[in-house]
Protein backbone atom coordinates (compact mmCIF):
# COMPACT_ATOMS: atom_id res chain seq x y z
CA MET A 1 -109.35 -6.46 28.82
CA GLY A 2 -109.48 -2.60 29.34
CA THR A 3 -109.17 -0.62 32.51
CA GLY A 4 -112.97 -0.49 32.92
CA TRP A 5 -113.12 -4.24 32.88
CA ARG A 6 -110.53 -4.54 35.56
CA HIS A 7 -112.37 -2.01 37.65
CA LEU A 8 -115.55 -4.06 37.23
CA ALA A 9 -113.75 -7.10 38.52
CA VAL A 10 -112.20 -5.18 41.47
CA ALA A 11 -115.57 -3.65 42.41
CA GLY A 12 -117.33 -7.08 42.05
CA GLY A 13 -114.69 -8.55 44.27
CA LEU A 14 -115.18 -5.97 46.99
CA ARG A 15 -119.02 -6.44 46.83
CA LEU A 16 -118.62 -10.15 47.20
CA ALA A 17 -116.34 -9.88 50.10
CA ALA A 18 -118.82 -7.50 51.89
CA LEU A 19 -121.74 -9.86 51.26
CA GLY A 20 -119.69 -12.84 52.59
CA LEU A 21 -118.96 -10.88 55.82
CA VAL A 22 -122.67 -9.97 56.22
CA GLY A 23 -123.65 -13.60 55.64
CA ALA A 24 -121.12 -14.87 58.26
CA ILE A 25 -122.38 -12.31 60.84
CA GLY A 26 -126.03 -13.32 60.00
CA ALA A 27 -125.07 -17.08 60.51
CA ALA A 28 -123.44 -16.40 63.90
CA ALA A 29 -126.54 -14.41 65.00
CA ILE A 30 -128.83 -17.21 63.92
CA GLY A 31 -126.83 -19.72 66.01
CA GLY A 32 -126.88 -17.33 69.11
CA GLY A 33 -130.74 -17.02 68.66
CA ALA A 34 -131.06 -20.74 68.47
CA ALA A 35 -129.00 -21.32 71.58
CA SER A 36 -131.17 -18.79 73.60
CA LEU A 37 -134.36 -20.43 72.52
CA THR A 38 -133.02 -23.81 73.63
CA ALA A 39 -132.46 -22.27 77.14
CA ALA A 40 -135.85 -20.82 77.04
CA ARG A 41 -137.30 -24.25 76.18
CA ALA A 42 -135.56 -25.81 79.24
CA THR A 43 -136.95 -23.02 81.56
CA ALA A 44 -140.45 -23.57 80.30
CA GLY A 45 -140.29 -27.32 80.62
CA GLY A 46 -143.21 -29.09 82.51
CA LYS A 47 -146.85 -29.39 82.11
CA PRO A 48 -148.55 -26.01 81.52
CA GLY A 49 -151.29 -24.97 83.81
CA ALA A 50 -153.75 -22.14 84.15
CA GLY A 51 -151.26 -20.23 86.45
CA GLN A 52 -148.61 -20.45 83.69
CA LEU A 53 -150.65 -18.50 81.06
CA SER A 54 -148.57 -15.37 81.10
CA ALA A 55 -145.15 -17.19 80.94
CA ALA A 56 -146.52 -19.35 78.04
CA GLN A 57 -147.78 -16.39 76.09
CA GLY A 58 -144.47 -14.65 76.64
CA LEU A 59 -142.53 -17.63 75.42
CA VAL A 60 -144.75 -17.81 72.30
CA ALA A 61 -144.21 -14.16 71.56
CA SER A 62 -140.50 -14.51 72.19
CA ARG A 63 -140.12 -17.41 69.84
CA ALA A 64 -142.47 -15.86 67.14
CA ALA A 65 -140.25 -12.77 67.24
CA ALA A 66 -137.00 -14.81 66.82
CA LEU A 67 -138.65 -16.69 63.92
CA ALA A 68 -139.49 -13.39 62.32
CA ARG A 69 -135.94 -12.20 62.59
CA ALA A 70 -134.69 -15.47 61.37
CA GLY A 71 -137.05 -15.25 58.44
CA ALA A 72 -135.88 -11.74 57.62
CA ARG A 73 -132.21 -12.77 57.81
CA ALA A 74 -132.90 -15.72 55.44
CA ARG A 75 -134.68 -13.41 53.07
CA THR A 76 -131.71 -10.97 53.17
CA LEU A 77 -129.22 -13.75 52.48
CA SER A 78 -131.47 -15.17 49.68
CA ALA A 79 -131.64 -11.69 48.13
CA ALA A 80 -127.89 -11.44 48.28
CA LEU A 81 -127.43 -14.96 46.81
CA SER A 82 -129.82 -13.93 43.87
CA GLY A 83 -127.73 -10.83 43.20
CA LEU A 84 -124.56 -12.84 43.13
CA ARG A 85 -126.00 -15.34 40.78
CA THR A 86 -127.11 -12.55 38.35
CA GLN A 87 -123.68 -11.01 38.66
CA ALA A 88 -122.06 -14.33 37.98
CA GLU A 89 -124.29 -14.99 34.99
CA ALA A 90 -123.38 -11.58 33.66
CA LEU A 91 -119.57 -12.42 34.03
CA THR A 92 -120.30 -15.71 32.41
CA GLU A 93 -121.59 -13.91 29.27
CA ARG A 94 -118.50 -11.57 29.43
CA TYR A 95 -116.33 -14.74 29.50
CA ASP A 96 -118.36 -16.16 26.59
CA HIS A 97 -117.73 -12.82 24.71
CA GLU A 98 -114.00 -12.96 25.22
CA VAL A 99 -113.83 -16.65 24.15
CA SER A 100 -115.90 -16.05 21.11
CA LEU A 101 -113.49 -13.14 20.11
CA GLU A 102 -110.56 -15.42 20.80
CA GLN A 103 -112.07 -18.13 18.48
CA GLN A 104 -112.62 -15.36 15.80
CA ALA A 105 -108.95 -14.16 16.33
CA SER A 106 -107.76 -17.76 16.02
CA ALA A 107 -109.53 -18.09 12.72
CA ALA A 108 -108.00 -14.85 11.58
CA TYR A 109 -104.64 -16.08 12.67
CA ARG A 110 -105.05 -19.39 10.61
CA ALA A 111 -106.02 -17.30 7.65
CA ALA A 112 -102.98 -14.99 8.08
CA GLN A 113 -100.88 -18.08 8.32
CA ALA A 114 -102.22 -19.13 4.98
CA ARG A 115 -101.55 -15.80 3.44
CA LEU A 116 -98.05 -15.90 4.96
CA ALA A 117 -97.43 -19.33 3.31
CA ALA A 118 -98.64 -17.88 -0.01
CA ALA A 119 -96.48 -14.83 0.31
CA ARG A 120 -93.33 -17.01 1.09
CA GLN A 121 -94.09 -19.19 -1.98
CA SER A 122 -94.44 -16.15 -4.05
CA GLU A 123 -91.13 -14.73 -2.74
CA ARG A 124 -89.40 -18.21 -3.53
CA ARG A 125 -90.78 -18.07 -7.11
CA ALA A 126 -89.53 -14.43 -7.52
CA ALA A 127 -86.08 -15.30 -6.14
CA ALA A 128 -85.88 -18.30 -8.64
CA ARG A 129 -86.96 -16.05 -11.49
CA LEU A 130 -84.33 -13.39 -10.53
CA ALA A 131 -81.67 -16.03 -10.62
CA GLN A 132 -82.77 -17.18 -14.02
CA LEU A 133 -82.57 -13.56 -15.25
CA ALA A 134 -79.22 -13.00 -13.61
CA ALA A 135 -77.91 -16.17 -15.38
CA ALA A 136 -79.27 -15.01 -18.72
CA GLU A 137 -77.79 -11.62 -18.22
CA TYR A 138 -74.42 -13.09 -17.36
CA GLU A 139 -74.53 -15.32 -20.44
CA ALA A 140 -75.34 -12.26 -22.58
CA GLU A 141 -72.44 -10.36 -20.93
CA GLY A 142 -74.49 -7.31 -20.11
CA GLY A 143 -76.45 -7.31 -23.35
CA PRO A 144 -75.93 -7.07 -27.07
CA ASP A 145 -73.57 -4.51 -28.61
CA MET A 146 -72.92 -3.75 -32.29
CA ALA A 147 -69.63 -5.60 -32.51
CA ALA A 148 -71.20 -8.75 -30.94
CA ALA A 149 -74.22 -8.37 -33.17
CA VAL A 150 -72.04 -8.28 -36.29
CA PHE A 151 -69.96 -11.09 -35.10
CA ALA A 152 -73.13 -13.06 -34.52
CA GLY A 153 -74.36 -12.40 -38.03
CA ILE A 154 -77.01 -9.81 -37.09
CA THR A 155 -76.65 -7.25 -39.79
CA ASP A 156 -80.19 -6.00 -39.91
CA PRO A 157 -80.58 -2.98 -37.77
CA ARG A 158 -84.22 -4.12 -37.12
CA SER A 159 -82.94 -7.35 -35.56
CA TYR A 160 -80.29 -5.53 -33.39
CA LEU A 161 -83.06 -3.22 -32.21
CA GLY A 162 -85.20 -6.18 -31.47
CA ALA A 163 -82.43 -7.70 -29.41
CA ILE A 164 -82.05 -4.59 -27.44
CA GLY A 165 -85.79 -4.38 -26.81
CA LEU A 166 -85.57 -8.01 -25.31
CA GLN A 167 -82.80 -6.88 -23.08
CA GLN A 168 -84.89 -3.92 -21.89
CA ALA A 169 -87.84 -6.16 -21.29
CA MET A 170 -85.63 -8.46 -19.19
CA ASP A 171 -84.38 -5.46 -17.20
CA ASN A 172 -87.94 -4.25 -16.50
CA GLN A 173 -89.04 -7.76 -15.40
CA GLN A 174 -86.07 -7.86 -13.05
CA THR A 175 -87.09 -4.59 -11.49
CA ASP A 176 -90.75 -5.65 -11.12
CA LEU A 177 -89.61 -9.02 -9.47
CA LEU A 178 -87.34 -7.14 -7.07
CA ALA A 179 -90.26 -4.83 -6.05
CA ALA A 180 -92.66 -7.75 -5.75
CA ARG A 181 -90.14 -9.53 -3.55
CA GLN A 182 -89.68 -6.57 -1.32
CA ALA A 183 -93.55 -6.36 -1.00
CA ASP A 184 -93.76 -9.98 -0.09
CA ASP A 185 -91.20 -9.35 2.73
CA ILE A 186 -93.33 -6.44 4.11
CA VAL A 187 -96.56 -8.53 3.93
CA ILE A 188 -94.96 -11.48 5.77
CA ARG A 189 -93.79 -9.32 8.61
CA LEU A 190 -97.18 -7.47 8.91
CA PHE A 191 -99.34 -10.55 8.75
CA GLY A 192 -97.07 -12.23 11.23
CA GLN A 193 -97.03 -9.47 13.81
CA GLN A 194 -100.76 -8.53 13.52
CA ALA A 195 -101.94 -12.20 13.79
CA ALA A 196 -99.71 -13.15 16.64
CA GLY A 197 -100.55 -9.93 18.55
CA LEU A 198 -104.26 -10.27 18.19
CA LEU A 199 -104.27 -13.91 19.26
CA GLY A 200 -102.07 -13.17 22.27
CA GLN A 201 -104.49 -10.25 23.39
CA ARG A 202 -107.52 -12.44 23.06
CA ARG A 203 -105.98 -15.35 25.01
CA ALA A 204 -104.95 -13.07 27.80
CA ALA A 205 -108.48 -11.60 28.01
CA ALA A 206 -109.95 -15.08 28.15
CA GLN A 207 -107.57 -16.11 30.79
CA ALA A 208 -108.43 -13.15 33.09
CA ALA A 209 -112.08 -13.74 32.48
CA SER A 210 -111.55 -17.37 33.56
CA PHE A 211 -109.86 -16.34 36.77
CA LEU A 212 -112.79 -13.99 37.53
CA LYS A 213 -115.17 -16.76 36.75
CA THR A 214 -113.54 -19.04 39.34
CA SER A 215 -113.65 -16.26 42.01
CA VAL A 216 -117.27 -15.42 41.51
CA SER A 217 -118.28 -19.16 41.46
CA ALA A 218 -116.55 -19.62 44.83
CA ALA A 219 -118.45 -16.68 46.28
CA VAL A 220 -121.78 -18.00 44.92
CA SER A 221 -121.15 -21.42 46.63
CA ARG A 222 -120.29 -19.78 49.95
CA GLN A 223 -123.35 -17.66 49.89
CA ALA A 224 -125.51 -20.71 49.02
CA GLY A 225 -124.09 -22.49 52.06
CA LEU A 226 -125.16 -19.43 54.24
CA VAL A 227 -128.56 -19.35 52.77
CA LYS A 228 -128.92 -23.18 53.45
CA ALA A 229 -127.81 -22.68 57.06
CA ALA A 230 -130.21 -19.77 57.44
CA ASP A 231 -133.14 -21.79 56.17
CA ALA A 232 -132.21 -24.65 58.51
CA ALA A 233 -132.20 -22.28 61.53
CA ARG A 234 -135.50 -20.86 60.35
CA SER A 235 -137.07 -24.36 60.16
CA ARG A 236 -135.89 -25.12 63.62
CA LEU A 237 -137.29 -21.94 65.01
CA SER A 238 -140.54 -22.58 63.28
CA ALA A 239 -140.79 -25.98 64.97
CA GLU A 240 -140.02 -24.54 68.35
CA THR A 241 -142.55 -21.82 67.94
CA ALA A 242 -145.19 -24.34 67.03
CA GLY A 243 -144.32 -26.41 70.08
CA ALA A 244 -144.64 -23.30 72.34
CA ARG A 245 -148.09 -22.48 70.80
CA ALA A 246 -149.21 -26.02 71.43
CA GLY A 247 -148.07 -25.89 75.00
CA ALA A 248 -149.89 -22.57 75.55
CA ALA A 249 -153.16 -23.81 74.03
CA ALA A 250 -154.45 -25.48 77.11
CA PRO A 251 -154.10 -22.54 79.51
CA ALA A 252 -155.08 -20.20 76.66
CA ALA A 253 -158.36 -22.04 76.44
CA ALA A 254 -158.97 -21.57 80.08
CA GLY A 255 -157.75 -18.00 80.47
CA GLY A 256 -157.62 -16.30 77.14
CA SER A 257 -156.08 -16.59 73.62
CA GLY A 258 -152.41 -16.77 73.04
CA ALA A 259 -150.47 -14.21 70.94
CA SER A 260 -150.01 -14.87 67.23
CA GLY A 261 -146.67 -14.05 65.73
CA ALA A 262 -147.18 -15.37 62.25
CA SER A 263 -146.62 -13.13 59.31
CA SER A 264 -148.10 -13.43 55.85
CA PRO A 265 -145.94 -14.96 53.19
CA VAL A 266 -144.42 -12.54 50.56
CA VAL A 267 -145.75 -13.18 47.06
CA THR A 268 -143.84 -11.73 44.14
CA ARG A 269 -145.69 -10.98 40.95
CA PRO A 270 -144.33 -9.78 37.64
CA GLY A 271 -144.40 -6.03 37.30
CA SER A 272 -145.67 -4.14 34.27
CA VAL A 273 -144.14 -4.86 30.99
CA ALA A 274 -142.31 -1.90 29.38
CA ALA A 275 -143.53 -0.73 26.00
CA GLY A 276 -140.15 -1.49 24.47
CA VAL A 277 -140.46 -5.09 25.49
CA LEU A 278 -144.00 -5.45 23.94
CA ALA A 279 -142.50 -4.09 20.70
CA GLY A 280 -139.75 -6.69 20.84
CA GLY A 281 -137.09 -4.71 22.62
CA PRO A 282 -134.96 -1.49 22.09
CA SER A 283 -132.88 -1.10 19.02
CA GLY A 284 -129.17 -1.15 19.31
CA ALA A 285 -126.36 -3.51 20.51
CA ALA A 286 -123.35 -3.75 22.88
CA PRO A 287 -120.38 -1.57 21.88
CA GLY A 288 -118.48 -2.91 19.08
CA VAL A 289 -121.30 -5.14 17.87
CA PHE A 290 -122.71 -4.63 14.52
CA ALA A 291 -126.53 -4.59 14.65
CA PRO A 292 -128.02 -5.36 11.06
CA ASP A 293 -131.29 -3.67 10.09
CA TRP A 294 -133.26 -6.83 9.82
CA ALA A 295 -136.48 -7.03 7.76
CA PRO A 296 -139.43 -8.07 9.91
CA ASP A 297 -139.80 -11.37 8.10
CA ALA A 298 -136.06 -12.22 8.07
CA GLY A 299 -136.46 -14.59 11.02
CA ALA A 300 -136.34 -18.30 10.75
CA SER A 301 -139.37 -20.35 9.92
CA ALA A 302 -141.79 -21.79 12.41
CA ALA A 303 -140.54 -25.23 11.68
CA GLN A 304 -136.97 -24.17 12.54
CA GLY A 305 -138.21 -22.59 15.73
CA ASN A 306 -140.06 -25.84 16.69
CA ALA A 307 -136.95 -27.80 15.99
CA ALA A 308 -134.83 -25.50 18.29
CA ALA A 309 -137.43 -25.58 21.13
CA ASP A 310 -137.99 -29.38 20.82
CA TRP A 311 -134.27 -30.04 21.07
CA ALA A 312 -133.83 -27.64 24.00
CA LEU A 313 -136.51 -29.77 25.93
CA THR A 314 -134.32 -32.80 25.49
CA GLN A 315 -131.53 -31.21 27.56
CA LEU A 316 -133.61 -30.62 30.63
CA GLY A 317 -131.70 -31.67 33.93
CA LYS A 318 -128.21 -31.08 32.55
CA PRO A 319 -126.03 -28.89 34.82
CA TYR A 320 -125.25 -25.22 34.27
CA GLN A 321 -121.53 -24.58 33.67
CA TRP A 322 -119.54 -21.43 32.81
CA GLY A 323 -118.76 -21.08 29.06
CA ALA A 324 -120.18 -24.60 28.28
CA ALA A 325 -122.05 -25.39 25.02
CA GLY A 326 -122.77 -29.09 25.60
CA PRO A 327 -123.18 -31.88 25.33
CA GLY A 328 -123.13 -32.53 29.06
CA SER A 329 -123.50 -28.95 30.42
CA TYR A 330 -124.41 -25.51 29.24
CA ASP A 331 -124.56 -21.90 30.16
CA CYS A 332 -127.47 -19.81 28.87
CA SER A 333 -126.08 -18.74 25.49
CA GLY A 334 -124.42 -22.04 24.97
CA LEU A 335 -127.83 -23.72 25.20
CA ALA A 336 -129.39 -21.23 22.74
CA LEU A 337 -126.44 -21.65 20.34
CA GLN A 338 -126.89 -25.54 20.15
CA ALA A 339 -130.69 -25.42 20.03
CA TRP A 340 -130.69 -23.23 16.92
CA ALA A 341 -127.80 -25.34 15.45
CA ARG A 342 -130.20 -28.09 15.33
CA ALA A 343 -132.58 -25.92 13.26
CA GLY A 344 -129.61 -25.10 10.77
CA VAL A 345 -129.03 -21.57 12.18
CA ARG A 346 -125.47 -20.55 13.25
CA LEU A 347 -125.31 -18.39 16.34
CA LEU A 348 -122.26 -17.02 18.16
CA HIS A 349 -121.67 -17.89 21.85
CA TRP A 350 -122.57 -14.67 23.55
CA THR A 351 -125.91 -13.09 24.42
CA GLY A 352 -124.60 -9.78 22.88
CA PHE A 353 -124.33 -11.42 19.42
CA GLN A 354 -127.41 -13.46 19.81
CA TRP A 355 -129.55 -10.34 20.62
CA VAL A 356 -128.78 -8.95 17.14
CA SER A 357 -128.92 -12.34 15.29
CA GLY A 358 -132.40 -11.58 13.76
CA PRO A 359 -135.28 -9.26 13.96
CA HIS A 360 -136.89 -8.45 17.35
CA VAL A 361 -140.37 -9.72 17.86
CA PRO A 362 -143.09 -8.40 20.25
CA LEU A 363 -144.09 -10.56 23.24
CA ALA A 364 -147.55 -10.95 21.85
CA GLY A 365 -146.10 -12.45 18.74
CA LEU A 366 -143.66 -15.01 20.31
CA ARG A 367 -143.25 -18.26 18.58
CA ARG A 368 -141.65 -21.46 19.85
CA GLY A 369 -137.80 -21.19 19.57
CA ASP A 370 -137.71 -17.39 19.75
CA LEU A 371 -134.97 -16.14 22.13
CA VAL A 372 -136.10 -14.11 25.16
CA PHE A 373 -133.45 -11.84 26.82
CA TYR A 374 -132.86 -10.15 30.18
CA ALA A 375 -130.84 -7.12 30.95
CA PHE A 376 -129.86 -5.04 34.04
CA ASN A 377 -131.33 -2.02 32.22
CA ILE A 378 -134.17 -2.69 29.83
CA ALA A 379 -133.39 0.55 27.76
CA ASP A 380 -129.77 -0.59 27.12
CA PRO A 381 -129.08 -3.75 25.15
CA ALA A 382 -125.38 -3.56 26.19
CA THR A 383 -126.60 -4.82 29.59
CA VAL A 384 -128.15 -8.09 28.41
CA HIS A 385 -126.97 -11.04 30.54
CA HIS A 386 -129.36 -13.87 30.09
CA VAL A 387 -131.25 -15.66 27.32
CA GLY A 388 -133.93 -18.43 27.25
CA ILE A 389 -135.57 -20.32 24.42
CA TYR A 390 -139.39 -19.84 24.26
CA ILE A 391 -141.44 -22.99 24.21
CA GLY A 392 -144.89 -21.60 24.24
CA HIS A 393 -147.64 -20.71 26.94
CA GLY A 394 -145.39 -18.07 28.51
CA LEU A 395 -142.62 -20.61 29.32
CA MET A 396 -138.96 -20.95 28.23
CA VAL A 397 -136.12 -23.47 28.59
CA ASP A 398 -132.95 -21.94 30.04
CA ALA A 399 -129.76 -22.55 31.99
CA PRO A 400 -130.09 -19.77 34.60
CA PHE A 401 -127.07 -19.87 37.01
CA THR A 402 -124.27 -21.78 38.76
CA GLY A 403 -125.60 -24.61 40.74
CA SER A 404 -128.77 -24.94 38.71
CA PHE A 405 -129.89 -27.20 35.76
CA VAL A 406 -131.37 -26.67 32.44
CA ARG A 407 -135.05 -26.20 33.36
CA ILE A 408 -138.35 -24.63 32.46
CA ASP A 409 -139.05 -21.04 33.70
CA SER A 410 -141.74 -18.57 33.19
CA ILE A 411 -140.60 -15.67 30.95
CA TYR A 412 -141.35 -13.53 33.84
CA ALA A 413 -139.32 -15.54 36.39
CA PHE A 414 -136.50 -13.06 36.15
CA PRO A 415 -136.23 -9.20 36.29
CA GLY A 416 -135.15 -7.18 33.41
CA LEU A 417 -137.15 -8.74 30.45
CA ILE A 418 -135.77 -6.54 27.63
CA GLY A 419 -137.20 -8.29 24.58
CA ALA A 420 -137.11 -11.19 22.09
CA THR A 421 -135.23 -12.04 18.93
CA ARG A 422 -136.09 -14.53 16.17
CA PRO A 423 -132.82 -15.68 14.70
CA ALA A 424 -132.42 -15.14 11.00
CA ALA A 425 -132.23 -18.28 8.90
């Protein structure tokens, strides 16, 4: 990997450490809040009466405020977890990219090995032929001369000149064989060095990505634990607040109404869809990825799309796993790869390659099997980090993040919908 990739890994690690510290402080604060409320419950024990109205209302307000604070902390931790999951998925796709390049390098290495074998065989043939020519030249004692020709009975000048021509041809052939053998030696060295260097580089990159994958996965697991603890504390506070309100109901009926600390739930709706998405997505690709100029009708058939979508539905419930492409677990691009393989279309295991695997199609023209993509920046295809398989009615099958399973989501379930691709047959 380059310096920029290592910088991304270091910066991501610092952000993860900061989020873990914030989560730990939040969890401790939740515990303190629960302890204080338990003490308040003990103080407020006993049958409420008309004279306790003010104290009851104060307890309800205190617990409602604590519940609101706990809810805010839980939402903050959940947002941090969502960000971590998105970051982890983006790193998963970077990992898939490195592994895909390593696989291509391995294939190139095998091809280079085959060329090496052919070059060595050619070198052996040239050496054998050189030996034959050397033996023939030795037997001829350096070639024909006039005395030898007369002694051999060659009295016709034309025959003598023909013998000299044969010797010249043998000399020329020897020169050509020597040049070919030297060329074979050069080819052998170059092929061996290039193939071994490329394979070693890709293996190192994949190993580094795998290390980063492990670190981010651990951070996601820790953050998920903090979110679970925060949700439990919020549920406990909610029950205590409901109990306080029930206890204050009798005196409130006699002396006035109690305070209400409830807050309206937050409802998230999909925002407006960018014009580029409606048109199928922006043109272009990740750096170093060739983006063919696909004809609009170059995509696979509807029958192939149905085959991909139908197969994806059979994988529901299988766990998400970094870099996996089945059969027991998947990441997002691994699921897309296998789904379209069932339709007879070969895709590479990375969203960056899959984004340019066929023509882009507008959202209004989506068909079952089309691939729907998500990016950090919907104007930049280089930031694509997630893909789902469209199954109709605004829904897709996808493997979203660590800790989840292959499932059905709305195509608007995640931010950054950048566009859709219909893989080319």
